[in-house]
Amino acid sequence: MTRTKELTTLLIGVIISTSSLFAQNEKGEISLGADLMSRYIWRGTQFSTGPVIQPGIEYSKGAFAIGAWGSYSFDGDNDGAEADIYVSYRFADDLFTVSLTDYFFPNDQIAANNSYFDFKKESTDHILEGSIAFNGTKSFPISIMAAMNFWGADQNANGDQQYSLYIELGHSFTYKDVNIDLFAGFTPIDADEDKGESGFYGDTAGFVNLGFTASKEVAITEKFSLPLSASVIANPMSENLFLVFGVSF
């Protein structure tokens, strides 16, 4: 079976599984919204140089969720453009979460032909990532997430998959009605220059995403509040520092 057929079979399986969930008596939930961010920074890497809007929609039922998420810059010109589809499942009393994400980066300059359905390894703009997360407990309030690119555009100069790996530790708490999320992300794998590898997160092993996000809901009226967030993000490997502000709807 070719790689393209394998991916098609996987997508069909996800659709069938989702359809069976809709058909069951237990009701699911659909949520939708959007974030306005001053800049798109993901895992310590800058994906836009200006403000972006990031819409999302998700269907969840029990421990299962499937959704779509995107990012589009107000400046256009393919600055921060992204369209993702994901599925996730929580298990062991919500102690763990496994996810499969299809990242796709459209080209706004050729919007009429973005080749979304191109799943040929040598030309696709998709990246498939598998991840598993330990969500922490009251006695051990530290989350641990590991994510690996296992197929798609994350390739070296020879066309071989790089299997880029990202690991992140997190801790969340509340201080005076403000939610604080601490995070420390790193890549543990050195890129092999002899094989033409460049590294998806960085060329050497090390920390690429250190910082925190502070968020709270600001009351506008008695019935309406606006979620606000501010992040300080440092990437020691690239020697960058970012301050990001966001509003959620």
C-alpha atoms as a PDB file:
ATOM      1  CA  MET A   1       0.000   0.000   0.000  1.00  0.00           C
ATOM      2  CA  THR A   2       1.419   3.395  -0.952  1.00  0.00           C
ATOM      3  CA  ARG A   3       1.855   6.196   1.550  1.00  0.00           C
ATOM      4  CA  THR A   4      -0.918   8.221  -0.110  1.00  0.00           C
ATOM      5  CA  LYS A   5      -3.334   5.282   0.153  1.00  0.00           C
ATOM      6  CA  GLU A   6      -2.361   4.821   3.805  1.00  0.00           C
ATOM      7  CA  LEU A   7      -3.180   8.458   4.544  1.00  0.00           C
ATOM      8  CA  THR A   8      -6.480   8.212   2.649  1.00  0.00           C
ATOM      9  CA  THR A   9      -7.410   5.114   4.655  1.00  0.00           C
ATOM     10  CA  LEU A  10      -6.522   6.920   7.877  1.00  0.00           C
ATOM     11  CA  LEU A  11      -8.699   9.931   7.000  1.00  0.00           C
ATOM     12  CA  ILE A  12     -11.616   7.681   6.002  1.00  0.00           C
ATOM     13  CA  GLY A  13     -11.270   5.847   9.320  1.00  0.00           C
ATOM     14  CA  VAL A  14     -11.422   9.126  11.235  1.00  0.00           C
ATOM     15  CA  ILE A  15     -14.545  10.208   9.304  1.00  0.00           C
ATOM     16  CA  ILE A  16     -16.298   6.884   9.952  1.00  0.00           C
ATOM     17  CA  SER A  17     -15.406   7.004  13.647  1.00  0.00           C
ATOM     18  CA  THR A  18     -16.689  10.570  13.913  1.00  0.00           C
ATOM     19  CA  SER A  19     -19.931   9.692  12.105  1.00  0.00           C
ATOM     20  CA  SER A  20     -20.577   6.835  14.541  1.00  0.00           C
ATOM     21  CA  LEU A  21     -20.087   9.235  17.445  1.00  0.00           C
ATOM     22  CA  PHE A  22     -22.686  11.625  15.992  1.00  0.00           C
ATOM     23  CA  ALA A  23     -25.086   8.706  15.574  1.00  0.00           C
ATOM     24  CA  GLN A  24     -24.938   7.605  19.211  1.00  0.00           C
ATOM     25  CA  ASN A  25     -27.574   8.741  21.688  1.00  0.00           C
ATOM     26  CA  GLU A  26     -25.165  10.623  23.918  1.00  0.00           C
ATOM     27  CA  LYS A  27     -25.016  14.234  22.821  1.00  0.00           C
ATOM     28  CA  GLY A  28     -21.745  15.840  21.892  1.00  0.00           C
ATOM     29  CA  GLU A  29     -20.775  19.481  22.014  1.00  0.00           C
ATOM     30  CA  ILE A  30     -19.705  21.891  19.295  1.00  0.00           C
ATOM     31  CA  SER A  31     -17.584  24.871  20.266  1.00  0.00           C
ATOM     32  CA  LEU A  32     -16.298  27.647  18.053  1.00  0.00           C
ATOM     33  CA  GLY A  33     -14.419  30.879  18.510  1.00  0.00           C
ATOM     34  CA  ALA A  34     -11.497  32.983  17.413  1.00  0.00           C
ATOM     35  CA  ASP A  35      -8.426  34.626  18.892  1.00  0.00           C
ATOM     36  CA  LEU A  36      -6.961  37.960  17.837  1.00  0.00           C
ATOM     37  CA  MET A  37      -3.219  37.855  18.509  1.00  0.00           C
ATOM     38  CA  SER A  38      -0.652  40.614  18.145  1.00  0.00           C
ATOM     39  CA  ARG A  39       1.723  38.069  16.609  1.00  0.00           C
ATOM     40  CA  TYR A  40       1.733  34.324  15.920  1.00  0.00           C
ATOM     41  CA  ILE A  41       4.420  32.592  17.981  1.00  0.00           C
ATOM     42  CA  TRP A  42       4.278  28.788  18.169  1.00  0.00           C
ATOM     43  CA  ARG A  43       6.663  26.701  20.257  1.00  0.00           C
ATOM     44  CA  GLY A  44       9.148  29.548  20.323  1.00  0.00           C
ATOM     45  CA  THR A  45       9.116  30.169  16.554  1.00  0.00           C
ATOM     46  CA  GLN A  46       7.703  33.299  14.924  1.00  0.00           C
ATOM     47  CA  PHE A  47       5.154  32.495  12.199  1.00  0.00           C
ATOM     48  CA  SER A  48       3.898  36.044  11.587  1.00  0.00           C
ATOM     49  CA  THR A  49       5.364  39.516  11.829  1.00  0.00           C
ATOM     50  CA  GLY A  50       2.023  41.195  12.494  1.00  0.00           C
ATOM     51  CA  PRO A  51      -1.444  40.624  14.005  1.00  0.00           C
ATOM     52  CA  VAL A  52      -3.346  37.449  13.132  1.00  0.00           C
ATOM     53  CA  ILE A  53      -6.845  36.074  13.540  1.00  0.00           C
ATOM     54  CA  GLN A  54      -7.008  32.429  14.595  1.00  0.00           C
ATOM     55  CA  PRO A  55     -10.447  30.803  14.174  1.00  0.00           C
ATOM     56  CA  GLY A  56     -11.291  27.353  15.459  1.00  0.00           C
ATOM     57  CA  ILE A  57     -14.154  24.868  15.663  1.00  0.00           C
ATOM     58  CA  GLU A  58     -14.311  21.615  17.613  1.00  0.00           C
ATOM     59  CA  TYR A  59     -16.733  18.765  18.131  1.00  0.00           C
ATOM     60  CA  SER A  60     -16.230  16.833  21.362  1.00  0.00           C
ATOM     61  CA  LYS A  61     -18.006  13.821  22.804  1.00  0.00           C
ATOM     62  CA  GLY A  62     -16.807  12.247  25.993  1.00  0.00           C
ATOM     63  CA  ALA A  63     -13.062  11.772  25.759  1.00  0.00           C
ATOM     64  CA  PHE A  64     -12.957  12.242  21.968  1.00  0.00           C
ATOM     65  CA  ALA A  65     -12.516  15.534  20.087  1.00  0.00           C
ATOM     66  CA  ILE A  66     -12.059  16.487  16.448  1.00  0.00           C
ATOM     67  CA  GLY A  67     -11.516  20.018  15.248  1.00  0.00           C
ATOM     68  CA  ALA A  68     -10.071  22.510  12.815  1.00  0.00           C
ATOM     69  CA  TRP A  69      -7.890  25.517  13.581  1.00  0.00           C
ATOM     70  CA  GLY A  70      -6.359  28.220  11.436  1.00  0.00           C
ATOM     71  CA  SER A  71      -4.228  31.341  11.507  1.00  0.00           C
ATOM     72  CA  TYR A  72      -4.393  34.200   9.002  1.00  0.00           C
ATOM     73  CA  SER A  73      -2.476  37.451   9.067  1.00  0.00           C
ATOM     74  CA  PHE A  74      -4.060  40.864   8.596  1.00  0.00           C
ATOM     75  CA  ASP A  75      -1.028  41.702   6.455  1.00  0.00           C
ATOM     76  CA  GLY A  76      -1.653  38.814   4.044  1.00  0.00           C
ATOM     77  CA  ASP A  77       1.278  37.782   1.822  1.00  0.00           C
ATOM     78  CA  ASN A  78       1.312  34.302   3.361  1.00  0.00           C
ATOM     79  CA  ASP A  79       2.402  35.759   6.713  1.00  0.00           C
ATOM     80  CA  GLY A  80       1.254  33.307   9.376  1.00  0.00           C
ATOM     81  CA  ALA A  81      -1.196  31.390   7.162  1.00  0.00           C
ATOM     82  CA  GLU A  82      -2.083  27.939   8.505  1.00  0.00           C
ATOM     83  CA  ALA A  83      -5.013  25.488   8.348  1.00  0.00           C
ATOM     84  CA  ASP A  84      -4.948  22.431  10.652  1.00  0.00           C
ATOM     85  CA  ILE A  85      -7.178  19.460  11.396  1.00  0.00           C
ATOM     86  CA  TYR A  86      -6.766  17.381  14.545  1.00  0.00           C
ATOM     87  CA  VAL A  87      -8.233  14.526  16.535  1.00  0.00           C
ATOM     88  CA  SER A  88      -7.560  13.784  20.193  1.00  0.00           C
ATOM     89  CA  TYR A  89      -8.558  11.255  22.817  1.00  0.00           C
ATOM     90  CA  ARG A  90      -8.245  11.384  26.621  1.00  0.00           C
ATOM     91  CA  PHE A  91      -7.852   8.187  28.622  1.00  0.00           C
ATOM     92  CA  ALA A  92      -6.952   6.815  32.078  1.00  0.00           C
ATOM     93  CA  ASP A  93      -9.396   9.184  33.801  1.00  0.00           C
ATOM     94  CA  ASP A  94      -8.159  12.115  31.686  1.00  0.00           C
ATOM     95  CA  LEU A  95      -4.626  11.563  32.889  1.00  0.00           C
ATOM     96  CA  PHE A  96      -3.296  11.234  29.331  1.00  0.00           C
ATOM     97  CA  THR A  97      -4.203  12.699  25.929  1.00  0.00           C
ATOM     98  CA  VAL A  98      -3.114  11.385  22.534  1.00  0.00           C
ATOM     99  CA  SER A  99      -3.466  13.548  19.435  1.00  0.00           C
ATOM    100  CA  LEU A 100      -2.980  13.425  15.690  1.00  0.00           C
ATOM    101  CA  THR A 101      -2.582  16.774  13.917  1.00  0.00           C
ATOM    102  CA  ASP A 102      -2.417  17.573  10.221  1.00  0.00           C
ATOM    103  CA  TYR A 103      -0.628  20.902   9.796  1.00  0.00           C
ATOM    104  CA  PHE A 104      -1.059  22.667   6.458  1.00  0.00           C
ATOM    105  CA  PHE A 105       0.482  25.970   5.386  1.00  0.00           C
ATOM    106  CA  PRO A 106      -1.438  27.556   2.471  1.00  0.00           C
ATOM    107  CA  ASN A 107       0.117  30.117   0.170  1.00  0.00           C
ATOM    108  CA  ASP A 108      -2.041  33.261   0.030  1.00  0.00           C
ATOM    109  CA  GLN A 109      -0.224  34.420  -3.070  1.00  0.00           C
ATOM    110  CA  ILE A 110      -1.589  31.478  -5.077  1.00  0.00           C
ATOM    111  CA  ALA A 111      -4.873  31.025  -3.210  1.00  0.00           C
ATOM    112  CA  ALA A 112      -6.563  29.521  -6.282  1.00  0.00           C
ATOM    113  CA  ASN A 113      -4.276  26.488  -6.108  1.00  0.00           C
ATOM    114  CA  ASN A 114      -2.894  25.644  -2.683  1.00  0.00           C
ATOM    115  CA  SER A 115      -2.568  21.900  -3.403  1.00  0.00           C
ATOM    116  CA  TYR A 116      -4.337  20.958  -0.186  1.00  0.00           C
ATOM    117  CA  PHE A 117      -5.015  17.437  -1.483  1.00  0.00           C
ATOM    118  CA  ASP A 118      -1.412  16.843  -2.493  1.00  0.00           C
ATOM    119  CA  PHE A 119      -0.297  14.004  -0.201  1.00  0.00           C
ATOM    120  CA  LYS A 120       2.770  13.024  -2.201  1.00  0.00           C
ATOM    121  CA  LYS A 121       5.729  12.962   0.144  1.00  0.00           C
ATOM    122  CA  GLU A 122       8.049  14.787  -2.247  1.00  0.00           C
ATOM    123  CA  SER A 123       5.711  17.750  -2.841  1.00  0.00           C
ATOM    124  CA  THR A 124       3.161  17.963  -0.010  1.00  0.00           C
ATOM    125  CA  ASP A 125       2.823  21.010   2.250  1.00  0.00           C
ATOM    126  CA  HIS A 126       1.257  18.920   5.006  1.00  0.00           C
ATOM    127  CA  ILE A 127       3.032  17.789   8.152  1.00  0.00           C
ATOM    128  CA  LEU A 128       1.533  15.005  10.272  1.00  0.00           C
ATOM    129  CA  GLU A 129       2.347  15.049  13.977  1.00  0.00           C
ATOM    130  CA  GLY A 130       1.582  12.525  16.679  1.00  0.00           C
ATOM    131  CA  SER A 131       1.676  13.556  20.330  1.00  0.00           C
ATOM    132  CA  ILE A 132       1.020  12.213  23.795  1.00  0.00           C
ATOM    133  CA  ALA A 133       0.570  14.318  26.916  1.00  0.00           C
ATOM    134  CA  PHE A 134       0.548  13.601  30.611  1.00  0.00           C
ATOM    135  CA  ASN A 135      -1.930  16.144  31.992  1.00  0.00           C
ATOM    136  CA  GLY A 136      -0.677  16.257  35.574  1.00  0.00           C
ATOM    137  CA  THR A 137      -2.411  15.570  38.877  1.00  0.00           C
ATOM    138  CA  LYS A 138      -3.071  17.494  42.087  1.00  0.00           C
ATOM    139  CA  SER A 139      -0.144  15.752  43.768  1.00  0.00           C
ATOM    140  CA  PHE A 140       2.071  16.238  40.687  1.00  0.00           C
ATOM    141  CA  PRO A 141       0.834  19.410  38.913  1.00  0.00           C
ATOM    142  CA  ILE A 142       3.281  19.202  36.018  1.00  0.00           C
ATOM    143  CA  SER A 143       2.155  18.464  32.471  1.00  0.00           C
ATOM    144  CA  ILE A 144       4.494  16.701  30.046  1.00  0.00           C
ATOM    145  CA  MET A 145       3.915  16.610  26.289  1.00  0.00           C
ATOM    146  CA  ALA A 146       5.958  14.943  23.556  1.00  0.00           C
ATOM    147  CA  ALA A 147       5.223  15.558  19.859  1.00  0.00           C
ATOM    148  CA  MET A 148       6.912  14.157  16.751  1.00  0.00           C
ATOM    149  CA  ASN A 149       6.554  14.961  13.056  1.00  0.00           C
ATOM    150  CA  PHE A 150       6.312  11.543  11.420  1.00  0.00           C
ATOM    151  CA  TRP A 151       5.294  12.360   7.832  1.00  0.00           C
ATOM    152  CA  GLY A 152       5.216  15.240   5.366  1.00  0.00           C
ATOM    153  CA  ALA A 153       7.152  18.401   4.608  1.00  0.00           C
ATOM    154  CA  ASP A 154       9.587  18.107   7.536  1.00  0.00           C
ATOM    155  CA  GLN A 155      12.336  16.527   5.430  1.00  0.00           C
ATOM    156  CA  ASN A 156      16.068  16.940   4.960  1.00  0.00           C
ATOM    157  CA  ALA A 157      17.804  17.897   1.725  1.00  0.00           C
ATOM    158  CA  ASN A 158      17.803  14.243   0.630  1.00  0.00           C
ATOM    159  CA  GLY A 159      14.026  13.924   1.033  1.00  0.00           C
ATOM    160  CA  ASP A 160      14.248  11.763   4.158  1.00  0.00           C
ATOM    161  CA  GLN A 161      11.913  12.307   7.096  1.00  0.00           C
ATOM    162  CA  GLN A 162      13.613  14.167   9.953  1.00  0.00           C
ATOM    163  CA  TYR A 163      11.245  12.987  12.735  1.00  0.00           C
ATOM    164  CA  SER A 164      11.624  16.283  14.572  1.00  0.00           C
ATOM    165  CA  LEU A 165      10.770  15.904  18.271  1.00  0.00           C
ATOM    166  CA  TYR A 166       9.464  18.525  20.694  1.00  0.00           C
ATOM    167  CA  ILE A 167       9.000  18.043  24.449  1.00  0.00           C
ATOM    168  CA  GLU A 168       7.301  20.556  26.727  1.00  0.00           C
ATOM    169  CA  LEU A 169       6.832  20.796  30.492  1.00  0.00           C
ATOM    170  CA  GLY A 170       4.043  22.952  31.894  1.00  0.00           C
ATOM    171  CA  HIS A 171       2.612  24.141  35.193  1.00  0.00           C
ATOM    172  CA  SER A 172      -0.555  26.182  35.755  1.00  0.00           C
ATOM    173  CA  PHE A 173      -1.783  28.106  38.788  1.00  0.00           C
ATOM    174  CA  THR A 174      -3.895  31.123  39.725  1.00  0.00           C
ATOM    175  CA  TYR A 175      -2.602  34.321  41.300  1.00  0.00           C
ATOM    176  CA  LYS A 176      -5.110  37.005  42.306  1.00  0.00           C
ATOM    177  CA  ASP A 177      -7.722  35.950  39.724  1.00  0.00           C
ATOM    178  CA  VAL A 178      -5.103  35.714  36.970  1.00  0.00           C
ATOM    179  CA  ASN A 179      -4.375  32.322  35.413  1.00  0.00           C
ATOM    180  CA  ILE A 180      -0.662  31.704  34.933  1.00  0.00           C
ATOM    181  CA  ASP A 181       0.660  29.011  32.580  1.00  0.00           C
ATOM    182  CA  LEU A 182       4.381  28.319  32.743  1.00  0.00           C
ATOM    183  CA  PHE A 183       6.038  26.373  29.916  1.00  0.00           C
ATOM    184  CA  ALA A 184       9.469  25.074  28.989  1.00  0.00           C
ATOM    185  CA  GLY A 185       9.869  23.413  25.595  1.00  0.00           C
ATOM    186  CA  PHE A 186      12.943  21.862  24.064  1.00  0.00           C
ATOM    187  CA  THR A 187      14.074  19.661  21.211  1.00  0.00           C
ATOM    188  CA  PRO A 188      16.345  16.786  22.268  1.00  0.00           C
ATOM    189  CA  ILE A 189      17.666  15.869  18.802  1.00  0.00           C
ATOM    190  CA  ASP A 190      20.620  17.399  16.955  1.00  0.00           C
ATOM    191  CA  ALA A 191      20.191  17.930  13.217  1.00  0.00           C
ATOM    192  CA  ASP A 192      22.636  15.906  11.130  1.00  0.00           C
ATOM    193  CA  GLU A 193      24.390  18.359   8.800  1.00  0.00           C
ATOM    194  CA  ASP A 194      25.954  15.501   6.838  1.00  0.00           C
ATOM    195  CA  LYS A 195      22.444  14.392   5.830  1.00  0.00           C
ATOM    196  CA  GLY A 196      21.353  17.906   4.935  1.00  0.00           C
ATOM    197  CA  GLU A 197      19.116  18.285   7.982  1.00  0.00           C
ATOM    198  CA  SER A 198      18.187  21.723   9.251  1.00  0.00           C
ATOM    199  CA  GLY A 199      15.956  20.854  12.223  1.00  0.00           C
ATOM    200  CA  PHE A 200      12.283  21.857  12.467  1.00  0.00           C
ATOM    201  CA  TYR A 201      12.734  23.551  15.866  1.00  0.00           C
ATOM    202  CA  GLY A 202      16.478  24.142  15.855  1.00  0.00           C
ATOM    203  CA  ASP A 203      19.723  22.716  14.524  1.00  0.00           C
ATOM    204  CA  THR A 204      20.967  21.536  17.921  1.00  0.00           C
ATOM    205  CA  ALA A 205      19.417  20.016  21.012  1.00  0.00           C
ATOM    206  CA  GLY A 206      18.247  22.646  23.497  1.00  0.00           C
ATOM    207  CA  PHE A 207      15.471  24.858  24.809  1.00  0.00           C
ATOM    208  CA  VAL A 208      13.433  26.726  22.199  1.00  0.00           C
ATOM    209  CA  ASN A 209      10.322  27.847  24.107  1.00  0.00           C
ATOM    210  CA  LEU A 210      10.536  29.290  27.621  1.00  0.00           C
ATOM    211  CA  GLY A 211       8.067  31.636  29.255  1.00  0.00           C
ATOM    212  CA  PHE A 212       4.593  32.131  30.651  1.00  0.00           C
ATOM    213  CA  THR A 213       1.093  33.211  29.669  1.00  0.00           C
ATOM    214  CA  ALA A 214      -1.121  35.276  31.967  1.00  0.00           C
ATOM    215  CA  SER A 215      -4.853  35.307  31.235  1.00  0.00           C
ATOM    216  CA  LYS A 216      -8.054  36.561  32.813  1.00  0.00           C
ATOM    217  CA  GLU A 217     -11.607  37.509  31.894  1.00  0.00           C
ATOM    218  CA  VAL A 218     -12.371  41.209  32.045  1.00  0.00           C
ATOM    219  CA  ALA A 219     -16.037  42.044  32.709  1.00  0.00           C
ATOM    220  CA  ILE A 220     -17.495  44.364  30.072  1.00  0.00           C
ATOM    221  CA  THR A 221     -21.122  44.140  31.225  1.00  0.00           C
ATOM    222  CA  GLU A 222     -22.936  42.083  33.834  1.00  0.00           C
ATOM    223  CA  LYS A 223     -23.465  39.313  31.265  1.00  0.00           C
ATOM    224  CA  PHE A 224     -20.413  39.640  29.050  1.00  0.00           C
ATOM    225  CA  SER A 225     -16.707  39.325  29.766  1.00  0.00           C
ATOM    226  CA  LEU A 226     -13.717  39.380  27.445  1.00  0.00           C
ATOM    227  CA  PRO A 227     -10.884  36.832  27.847  1.00  0.00           C
ATOM    228  CA  LEU A 228      -7.482  38.542  27.576  1.00  0.00           C
ATOM    229  CA  SER A 229      -4.005  37.036  27.561  1.00  0.00           C
ATOM    230  CA  ALA A 230      -0.406  38.202  27.496  1.00  0.00           C
ATOM    231  CA  SER A 231       2.664  36.035  26.952  1.00  0.00           C
ATOM    232  CA  VAL A 232       6.381  36.432  27.413  1.00  0.00           C
ATOM    233  CA  ILE A 233       8.186  33.897  25.220  1.00  0.00           C
ATOM    234  CA  ALA A 234      11.929  33.358  24.939  1.00  0.00           C
ATOM    235  CA  ASN A 235      13.761  31.136  22.464  1.00  0.00           C
ATOM    236  CA  PRO A 236      17.299  30.669  23.829  1.00  0.00           C
ATOM    237  CA  MET A 237      18.427  28.737  20.755  1.00  0.00           C
ATOM    238  CA  SER A 238      17.578  31.547  18.320  1.00  0.00           C
ATOM    239  CA  GLU A 239      18.230  34.254  20.945  1.00  0.00           C
ATOM    240  CA  ASN A 240      14.752  35.751  20.467  1.00  0.00           C
ATOM    241  CA  LEU A 241      12.270  37.266  22.910  1.00  0.00           C
ATOM    242  CA  PHE A 242       8.586  37.866  22.099  1.00  0.00           C
ATOM    243  CA  LEU A 243       5.765  39.663  23.930  1.00  0.00           C
ATOM    244  CA  VAL A 244       2.334  38.662  22.650  1.00  0.00           C
ATOM    245  CA  PHE A 245      -1.113  40.009  23.507  1.00  0.00           C
ATOM    246  CA  GLY A 246      -4.388  38.290  22.639  1.00  0.00           C
ATOM    247  CA  VAL A 247      -8.173  38.627  22.844  1.00  0.00           C
ATOM    248  CA  SER A 248     -10.520  35.638  22.595  1.00  0.00           C
ATOM    249  CA  PHE A 249     -14.127  35.530  21.386  1.00  0.00           C
END
